Structures are given as C-alpha cells and as structure tokens.
Amino acid sequence: MLWSVELLLYVFLIITALVALEVRDLLAAAITTSVFSFVTAVLFAEFEAVDVGFTEAVVGAGVVGVFFIAAIVRTTRETKD
C-alpha cells in the first residue's frame, strides 16, 4: 500500500479515537468505535495479517457494535423510583 494512504488511515484512526472519547451521544460513540475497529481491520489486512484483520472486522466492528447499539436502545435516560 502507498505510504500516503497508510498515513491517511493512521490519521483517520487517531481522529476516530478522539471523537469516540469526546462525543457526548452514546450512539455516536458506539458507531465511532465501530469505525475505529474497521479502520484497524484494514490496517491489519494491509500488514498481511488477513486473519487478524478479518476477525477484527467481524468481532470488533460487527458484533461489538451491534451489542453496543442494542444496549443503548434498551436503556432509558429516566430513572425509575
């Protein structure tokens, strides 16, 4: 892969990590962490660790993202007395 594309992926990785930490909306944070995992999977595949990249894409970006979103949907903002 071209070094410029790899550098762009690293910059995007840092930006998504900072956005996931700073965003106040939980749904946006869950989506941002899924994007972070997907970019990490692309970098793993670029380093010729395709099995690790595939696992990161399926588990990190897929399953964990769905679990986060399902947990957010099932919670409420109001407390019950």
PDB file of N, CA and C in Angstrom:
ATOM      1  N   MET A   1       0.839  -1.167   0.000  1.00  0.00           N
ATOM      2  CA  MET A   1       0.000   0.000   0.000  1.00  0.00           C
ATOM      3  C   MET A   1       0.890   1.238   0.000  1.00  0.00           C
ATOM      4  N   LEU A   2       0.411   2.255  -0.592  1.00  0.00           N
ATOM      5  CA  LEU A   2       1.163   3.500  -0.632  1.00  0.00           C
ATOM      6  C   LEU A   2       1.299   4.094   0.765  1.00  0.00           C
ATOM      7  N   TRP A   3       2.440   4.690   1.032  1.00  0.00           N
ATOM      8  CA  TRP A   3       2.663   5.247   2.364  1.00  0.00           C
ATOM      9  C   TRP A   3       1.709   6.395   2.652  1.00  0.00           C
ATOM     10  N   SER A   4       1.278   7.105   1.621  1.00  0.00           N
ATOM     11  CA  SER A   4       0.356   8.216   1.845  1.00  0.00           C
ATOM     12  C   SER A   4      -1.033   7.714   2.266  1.00  0.00           C
ATOM     13  N   VAL A   5      -1.461   6.606   1.679  1.00  0.00           N
ATOM     14  CA  VAL A   5      -2.747   6.020   2.074  1.00  0.00           C
ATOM     15  C   VAL A   5      -2.651   5.470   3.493  1.00  0.00           C
ATOM     16  N   GLU A   6      -1.526   4.841   3.811  1.00  0.00           N
ATOM     17  CA  GLU A   6      -1.329   4.322   5.157  1.00  0.00           C
ATOM     18  C   GLU A   6      -1.306   5.456   6.186  1.00  0.00           C
ATOM     19  N   LEU A   7      -0.652   6.549   5.856  1.00  0.00           N
ATOM     20  CA  LEU A   7      -0.619   7.709   6.750  1.00  0.00           C
ATOM     21  C   LEU A   7      -2.022   8.291   6.928  1.00  0.00           C
ATOM     22  N   LEU A   8      -2.792   8.337   5.849  1.00  0.00           N
ATOM     23  CA  LEU A   8      -4.162   8.822   5.929  1.00  0.00           C
ATOM     24  C   LEU A   8      -4.999   7.929   6.839  1.00  0.00           C
ATOM     25  N   LEU A   9      -4.799   6.612   6.761  1.00  0.00           N
ATOM     26  CA  LEU A   9      -5.530   5.695   7.641  1.00  0.00           C
ATOM     27  C   LEU A   9      -5.142   5.897   9.105  1.00  0.00           C
ATOM     28  N   TYR A  10      -3.864   6.122   9.366  1.00  0.00           N
ATOM     29  CA  TYR A  10      -3.433   6.380  10.742  1.00  0.00           C
ATOM     30  C   TYR A  10      -4.029   7.675  11.282  1.00  0.00           C
ATOM     31  N   VAL A  11      -4.056   8.708  10.475  1.00  0.00           N
ATOM     32  CA  VAL A  11      -4.648   9.976  10.903  1.00  0.00           C
ATOM     33  C   VAL A  11      -6.137   9.796  11.164  1.00  0.00           C
ATOM     34  N   PHE A  12      -6.817   9.078  10.281  1.00  0.00           N
ATOM     35  CA  PHE A  12      -8.242   8.810  10.461  1.00  0.00           C
ATOM     36  C   PHE A  12      -8.478   7.977  11.717  1.00  0.00           C
ATOM     37  N   LEU A  13      -7.570   7.057  12.020  1.00  0.00           N
ATOM     38  CA  LEU A  13      -7.664   6.233  13.221  1.00  0.00           C
ATOM     39  C   LEU A  13      -7.568   7.099  14.478  1.00  0.00           C
ATOM     40  N   ILE A  14      -6.641   8.025  14.490  1.00  0.00           N
ATOM     41  CA  ILE A  14      -6.482   8.921  15.635  1.00  0.00           C
ATOM     42  C   ILE A  14      -7.694   9.834  15.780  1.00  0.00           C
ATOM     43  N   ILE A  15      -8.202  10.324  14.667  1.00  0.00           N
ATOM     44  CA  ILE A  15      -9.377  11.203  14.719  1.00  0.00           C
ATOM     45  C   ILE A  15     -10.593  10.455  15.245  1.00  0.00           C
ATOM     46  N   THR A  16     -10.828   9.232  14.776  1.00  0.00           N
ATOM     47  CA  THR A  16     -11.974   8.475  15.265  1.00  0.00           C
ATOM     48  C   THR A  16     -11.833   8.128  16.741  1.00  0.00           C
ATOM     49  N   ALA A  17     -10.618   7.865  17.195  1.00  0.00           N
ATOM     50  CA  ALA A  17     -10.416   7.591  18.624  1.00  0.00           C
ATOM     51  C   ALA A  17     -10.730   8.813  19.462  1.00  0.00           C
ATOM     52  N   LEU A  18     -10.272   9.978  19.035  1.00  0.00           N
ATOM     53  CA  LEU A  18     -10.542  11.207  19.789  1.00  0.00           C
ATOM     54  C   LEU A  18     -12.024  11.572  19.761  1.00  0.00           C
ATOM     55  N   VAL A  19     -12.664  11.370  18.627  1.00  0.00           N
ATOM     56  CA  VAL A  19     -14.099  11.658  18.540  1.00  0.00           C
ATOM     57  C   VAL A  19     -14.883  10.716  19.443  1.00  0.00           C
ATOM     58  N   ALA A  20     -14.517   9.440  19.472  1.00  0.00           N
ATOM     59  CA  ALA A  20     -15.211   8.474  20.327  1.00  0.00           C
ATOM     60  C   ALA A  20     -15.061   8.825  21.806  1.00  0.00           C
ATOM     61  N   LEU A  21     -13.937   9.396  22.165  1.00  0.00           N
ATOM     62  CA  LEU A  21     -13.725   9.783  23.561  1.00  0.00           C
ATOM     63  C   LEU A  21     -14.459  11.065  23.929  1.00  0.00           C
ATOM     64  N   GLU A  22     -14.599  11.983  23.000  1.00  0.00           N
ATOM     65  CA  GLU A  22     -15.133  13.303  23.308  1.00  0.00           C
ATOM     66  C   GLU A  22     -16.620  13.475  23.028  1.00  0.00           C
ATOM     67  N   VAL A  23     -17.214  12.609  22.234  1.00  0.00           N
ATOM     68  CA  VAL A  23     -18.614  12.791  21.862  1.00  0.00           C
ATOM     69  C   VAL A  23     -19.510  12.501  23.076  1.00  0.00           C
ATOM     70  N   ARG A  24     -20.603  13.245  23.197  1.00  0.00           N
ATOM     71  CA  ARG A  24     -21.498  13.093  24.349  1.00  0.00           C
ATOM     72  C   ARG A  24     -22.626  12.099  24.076  1.00  0.00           C
ATOM     73  N   ASP A  25     -22.964  11.880  22.826  1.00  0.00           N
ATOM     74  CA  ASP A  25     -24.043  10.969  22.459  1.00  0.00           C
ATOM     75  C   ASP A  25     -23.518   9.539  22.435  1.00  0.00           C
ATOM     76  N   LEU A  26     -24.179   8.644  23.157  1.00  0.00           N
ATOM     77  CA  LEU A  26     -23.706   7.262  23.243  1.00  0.00           C
ATOM     78  C   LEU A  26     -23.803   6.523  21.917  1.00  0.00           C
ATOM     79  N   LEU A  27     -24.845   6.781  21.149  1.00  0.00           N
ATOM     80  CA  LEU A  27     -24.981   6.121  19.852  1.00  0.00           C
ATOM     81  C   LEU A  27     -23.862   6.542  18.905  1.00  0.00           C
ATOM     82  N   ALA A  28     -23.528   7.808  18.908  1.00  0.00           N
ATOM     83  CA  ALA A  28     -22.425   8.282  18.070  1.00  0.00           C
ATOM     84  C   ALA A  28     -21.099   7.684  18.531  1.00  0.00           C
ATOM     85  N   ALA A  29     -20.921   7.515  19.830  1.00  0.00           N
ATOM     86  CA  ALA A  29     -19.700   6.895  20.344  1.00  0.00           C
ATOM     87  C   ALA A  29     -19.609   5.428  19.930  1.00  0.00           C
ATOM     88  N   ALA A  30     -20.725   4.717  19.958  1.00  0.00           N
ATOM     89  CA  ALA A  30     -20.721   3.312  19.549  1.00  0.00           C
ATOM     90  C   ALA A  30     -20.407   3.171  18.062  1.00  0.00           C
ATOM     91  N   ILE A  31     -20.975   4.036  17.255  1.00  0.00           N
ATOM     92  CA  ILE A  31     -20.705   3.992  15.814  1.00  0.00           C
ATOM     93  C   ILE A  31     -19.255   4.364  15.534  1.00  0.00           C
ATOM     94  N   THR A  32     -18.738   5.334  16.255  1.00  0.00           N
ATOM     95  CA  THR A  32     -17.353   5.758  16.051  1.00  0.00           C
ATOM     96  C   THR A  32     -16.371   4.655  16.452  1.00  0.00           C
ATOM     97  N   THR A  33     -16.668   3.930  17.524  1.00  0.00           N
ATOM     98  CA  THR A  33     -15.785   2.820  17.892  1.00  0.00           C
ATOM     99  C   THR A  33     -15.851   1.689  16.869  1.00  0.00           C
ATOM    100  N   SER A  34     -16.999   1.499  16.246  1.00  0.00           N
ATOM    101  CA  SER A  34     -17.090   0.503  15.177  1.00  0.00           C
ATOM    102  C   SER A  34     -16.263   0.931  13.962  1.00  0.00           C
ATOM    103  N   VAL A  35     -16.292   2.211  13.641  1.00  0.00           N
ATOM    104  CA  VAL A  35     -15.467   2.724  12.542  1.00  0.00           C
ATOM    105  C   VAL A  35     -13.990   2.563  12.879  1.00  0.00           C
ATOM    106  N   PHE A  36     -13.623   2.844  14.142  1.00  0.00           N
ATOM    107  CA  PHE A  36     -12.250   2.651  14.594  1.00  0.00           C
ATOM    108  C   PHE A  36     -11.812   1.198  14.405  1.00  0.00           C
ATOM    109  N   SER A  37     -12.668   0.256  14.779  1.00  0.00           N
ATOM    110  CA  SER A  37     -12.335  -1.160  14.622  1.00  0.00           C
ATOM    111  C   SER A  37     -12.193  -1.548  13.154  1.00  0.00           C
ATOM    112  N   PHE A  38     -13.046  -0.977  12.299  1.00  0.00           N
ATOM    113  CA  PHE A  38     -12.960  -1.301  10.879  1.00  0.00           C
ATOM    114  C   PHE A  38     -11.671  -0.766  10.256  1.00  0.00           C
ATOM    115  N   VAL A  39     -11.276   0.446  10.628  1.00  0.00           N
ATOM    116  CA  VAL A  39     -10.016   1.001  10.108  1.00  0.00           C
ATOM    117  C   VAL A  39      -8.836   0.183  10.610  1.00  0.00           C
ATOM    118  N   THR A  40      -8.907  -0.270  11.861  1.00  0.00           N
ATOM    119  CA  THR A  40      -7.872  -1.149  12.394  1.00  0.00           C
ATOM    120  C   THR A  40      -7.814  -2.454  11.606  1.00  0.00           C
ATOM    121  N   ALA A  41      -8.967  -2.992  11.244  1.00  0.00           N
ATOM    122  CA  ALA A  41      -9.005  -4.217  10.443  1.00  0.00           C
ATOM    123  C   ALA A  41      -8.375  -4.003   9.071  1.00  0.00           C
ATOM    124  N   VAL A  42      -8.609  -2.850   8.475  1.00  0.00           N
ATOM    125  CA  VAL A  42      -7.994  -2.543   7.180  1.00  0.00           C
ATOM    126  C   VAL A  42      -6.475  -2.459   7.317  1.00  0.00           C
ATOM    127  N   LEU A  43      -6.000  -1.861   8.403  1.00  0.00           N
ATOM    128  CA  LEU A  43      -4.556  -1.783   8.619  1.00  0.00           C
ATOM    129  C   LEU A  43      -3.948  -3.164   8.871  1.00  0.00           C
ATOM    130  N   PHE A  44      -4.646  -4.025   9.602  1.00  0.00           N
ATOM    131  CA  PHE A  44      -4.162  -5.392   9.792  1.00  0.00           C
ATOM    132  C   PHE A  44      -4.057  -6.130   8.463  1.00  0.00           C
ATOM    133  N   ALA A  45      -5.061  -5.959   7.625  1.00  0.00           N
ATOM    134  CA  ALA A  45      -5.033  -6.609   6.314  1.00  0.00           C
ATOM    135  C   ALA A  45      -3.917  -6.051   5.449  1.00  0.00           C
ATOM    136  N   GLU A  46      -3.632  -4.776   5.604  1.00  0.00           N
ATOM    137  CA  GLU A  46      -2.543  -4.166   4.841  1.00  0.00           C
ATOM    138  C   GLU A  46      -1.182  -4.699   5.293  1.00  0.00           C
ATOM    139  N   PHE A  47      -1.073  -5.067   6.564  1.00  0.00           N
ATOM    140  CA  PHE A  47       0.168  -5.646   7.087  1.00  0.00           C
ATOM    141  C   PHE A  47       0.255  -7.143   6.838  1.00  0.00           C
ATOM    142  N   GLU A  48      -0.625  -7.652   5.974  1.00  0.00           N
ATOM    143  CA  GLU A  48      -0.685  -9.054   5.575  1.00  0.00           C
ATOM    144  C   GLU A  48      -1.041  -9.991   6.718  1.00  0.00           C
ATOM    145  N   ALA A  49      -1.784  -9.483   7.685  1.00  0.00           N
ATOM    146  CA  ALA A  49      -2.362 -10.305   8.749  1.00  0.00           C
ATOM    147  C   ALA A  49      -3.867 -10.376   8.482  1.00  0.00           C
ATOM    148  N   VAL A  50      -4.200 -11.045   7.389  1.00  0.00           N
ATOM    149  CA  VAL A  50      -5.576 -11.044   6.906  1.00  0.00           C
ATOM    150  C   VAL A  50      -6.508 -11.728   7.902  1.00  0.00           C
ATOM    151  N   ASP A  51      -6.052 -12.807   8.546  1.00  0.00           N
ATOM    152  CA  ASP A  51      -6.905 -13.495   9.507  1.00  0.00           C
ATOM    153  C   ASP A  51      -7.224 -12.618  10.712  1.00  0.00           C
ATOM    154  N   VAL A  52      -6.245 -11.871  11.182  1.00  0.00           N
ATOM    155  CA  VAL A  52      -6.469 -10.959  12.302  1.00  0.00           C
ATOM    156  C   VAL A  52      -7.370  -9.806  11.862  1.00  0.00           C
ATOM    157  N   GLY A  53      -7.157  -9.303  10.658  1.00  0.00           N
ATOM    158  CA  GLY A  53      -7.996  -8.233  10.139  1.00  0.00           C
ATOM    159  C   GLY A  53      -9.439  -8.662   9.959  1.00  0.00           C
ATOM    160  N   PHE A  54      -9.635  -9.878   9.466  1.00  0.00           N
ATOM    161  CA  PHE A  54     -10.987 -10.396   9.287  1.00  0.00           C
ATOM    162  C   PHE A  54     -11.678 -10.569  10.638  1.00  0.00           C
ATOM    163  N   THR A  55     -10.953 -11.092  11.616  1.00  0.00           N
ATOM    164  CA  THR A  55     -11.525 -11.259  12.948  1.00  0.00           C
ATOM    165  C   THR A  55     -11.864  -9.913  13.571  1.00  0.00           C
ATOM    166  N   GLU A  56     -10.998  -8.935  13.398  1.00  0.00           N
ATOM    167  CA  GLU A  56     -11.269  -7.598  13.930  1.00  0.00           C
ATOM    168  C   GLU A  56     -12.487  -6.988  13.253  1.00  0.00           C
ATOM    169  N   ALA A  57     -12.634  -7.193  11.970  1.00  0.00           N
ATOM    170  CA  ALA A  57     -13.788  -6.637  11.257  1.00  0.00           C
ATOM    171  C   ALA A  57     -15.084  -7.285  11.721  1.00  0.00           C
ATOM    172  N   VAL A  58     -15.060  -8.600  11.889  1.00  0.00           N
ATOM    173  CA  VAL A  58     -16.283  -9.301  12.273  1.00  0.00           C
ATOM    174  C   VAL A  58     -16.636  -9.039  13.729  1.00  0.00           C
ATOM    175  N   VAL A  59     -15.667  -9.207  14.612  1.00  0.00           N
ATOM    176  CA  VAL A  59     -15.949  -9.072  16.041  1.00  0.00           C
ATOM    177  C   VAL A  59     -15.954  -7.611  16.472  1.00  0.00           C
ATOM    178  N   GLY A  60     -14.895  -6.879  16.143  1.00  0.00           N
ATOM    179  CA  GLY A  60     -14.770  -5.507  16.617  1.00  0.00           C
ATOM    180  C   GLY A  60     -15.764  -4.557  15.997  1.00  0.00           C
ATOM    181  N   ALA A  61     -15.863  -4.578  14.693  1.00  0.00           N
ATOM    182  CA  ALA A  61     -16.750  -3.631  14.015  1.00  0.00           C
ATOM    183  C   ALA A  61     -18.177  -4.152  13.916  1.00  0.00           C
ATOM    184  N   GLY A  62     -18.333  -5.470  13.859  1.00  0.00           N
ATOM    185  CA  GLY A  62     -19.667  -6.028  13.664  1.00  0.00           C
ATOM    186  C   GLY A  62     -20.401  -6.351  14.940  1.00  0.00           C
ATOM    187  N   VAL A  63     -19.961  -7.383  15.619  1.00  0.00           N
ATOM    188  CA  VAL A  63     -20.691  -7.911  16.767  1.00  0.00           C
ATOM    189  C   VAL A  63     -20.699  -6.928  17.938  1.00  0.00           C
ATOM    190  N   VAL A  64     -19.545  -6.378  18.269  1.00  0.00           N
ATOM    191  CA  VAL A  64     -19.472  -5.448  19.397  1.00  0.00           C
ATOM    192  C   VAL A  64     -20.284  -4.189  19.111  1.00  0.00           C
ATOM    193  N   GLY A  65     -20.244  -3.707  17.883  1.00  0.00           N
ATOM    194  CA  GLY A  65     -21.055  -2.542  17.522  1.00  0.00           C
ATOM    195  C   GLY A  65     -22.543  -2.809  17.665  1.00  0.00           C
ATOM    196  N   VAL A  66     -22.975  -3.980  17.248  1.00  0.00           N
ATOM    197  CA  VAL A  66     -24.391  -4.350  17.386  1.00  0.00           C
ATOM    198  C   VAL A  66     -24.761  -4.469  18.861  1.00  0.00           C
ATOM    199  N   PHE A  67     -23.901  -5.062  19.678  1.00  0.00           N
ATOM    200  CA  PHE A  67     -24.169  -5.169  21.113  1.00  0.00           C
ATOM    201  C   PHE A  67     -24.246  -3.795  21.771  1.00  0.00           C
ATOM    202  N   PHE A  68     -23.326  -2.896  21.424  1.00  0.00           N
ATOM    203  CA  PHE A  68     -23.364  -1.545  21.977  1.00  0.00           C
ATOM    204  C   PHE A  68     -24.667  -0.838  21.613  1.00  0.00           C
ATOM    205  N   ILE A  69     -25.054  -0.914  20.352  1.00  0.00           N
ATOM    206  CA  ILE A  69     -26.273  -0.243  19.905  1.00  0.00           C
ATOM    207  C   ILE A  69     -27.500  -0.870  20.552  1.00  0.00           C
ATOM    208  N   ALA A  70     -27.530  -2.194  20.688  1.00  0.00           N
ATOM    209  CA  ALA A  70     -28.655  -2.855  21.350  1.00  0.00           C
ATOM    210  C   ALA A  70     -28.741  -2.461  22.823  1.00  0.00           C
ATOM    211  N   ALA A  71     -27.607  -2.334  23.488  1.00  0.00           N
ATOM    212  CA  ALA A  71     -27.610  -1.915  24.891  1.00  0.00           C
ATOM    213  C   ALA A  71     -28.073  -0.480  25.035  1.00  0.00           C
ATOM    214  N   ILE A  72     -27.694   0.379  24.114  1.00  0.00           N
ATOM    215  CA  ILE A  72     -28.117   1.779  24.168  1.00  0.00           C
ATOM    216  C   ILE A  72     -29.620   1.896  23.929  1.00  0.00           C
ATOM    217  N   VAL A  73     -30.133   1.096  22.995  1.00  0.00           N
ATOM    218  CA  VAL A  73     -31.566   1.151  22.693  1.00  0.00           C
ATOM    219  C   VAL A  73     -32.387   0.656  23.885  1.00  0.00           C
ATOM    220  N   ARG A  74     -31.881  -0.341  24.602  1.00  0.00           N
ATOM    221  CA  ARG A  74     -32.632  -0.913  25.727  1.00  0.00           C
ATOM    222  C   ARG A  74     -32.561  -0.090  27.004  1.00  0.00           C
ATOM    223  N   THR A  75     -31.683   0.883  27.075  1.00  0.00           N
ATOM    224  CA  THR A  75     -31.599   1.718  28.268  1.00  0.00           C
ATOM    225  C   THR A  75     -32.433   2.966  28.097  1.00  0.00           C
ATOM    226  N   THR A  76     -32.785   3.571  29.225  1.00  0.00           N
ATOM    227  CA  THR A  76     -33.557   4.817  29.198  1.00  0.00           C
ATOM    228  C   THR A  76     -32.759   5.898  29.913  1.00  0.00           C
ATOM    229  N   ARG A  77     -33.120   7.128  29.652  1.00  0.00           N
ATOM    230  CA  ARG A  77     -32.433   8.242  30.292  1.00  0.00           C
ATOM    231  C   ARG A  77     -33.088   8.612  31.616  1.00  0.00           C
ATOM    232  N   GLU A  78     -34.279   8.137  31.865  1.00  0.00           N
ATOM    233  CA  GLU A  78     -35.007   8.475  33.080  1.00  0.00           C
ATOM    234  C   GLU A  78     -34.783   7.399  34.133  1.00  0.00           C
ATOM    235  N   THR A  79     -34.718   7.814  35.379  1.00  0.00           N
ATOM    236  CA  THR A  79     -34.593   6.859  36.472  1.00  0.00           C
ATOM    237  C   THR A  79     -35.974   6.469  36.965  1.00  0.00           C
ATOM    238  N   LYS A  80     -36.102   5.223  37.391  1.00  0.00           N
ATOM    239  CA  LYS A  80     -37.376   4.746  37.920  1.00  0.00           C
ATOM    240  C   LYS A  80     -37.298   4.734  39.444  1.00  0.00           C
ATOM    241  N   ASP A  81     -38.367   5.207  40.070  1.00  0.00           N
ATOM    242  CA  ASP A  81     -38.387   5.263  41.542  1.00  0.00           C
ATOM    243  C   ASP A  81     -38.859   3.964  42.147  1.00  0.00           C
TER     244      ASP A  81
END
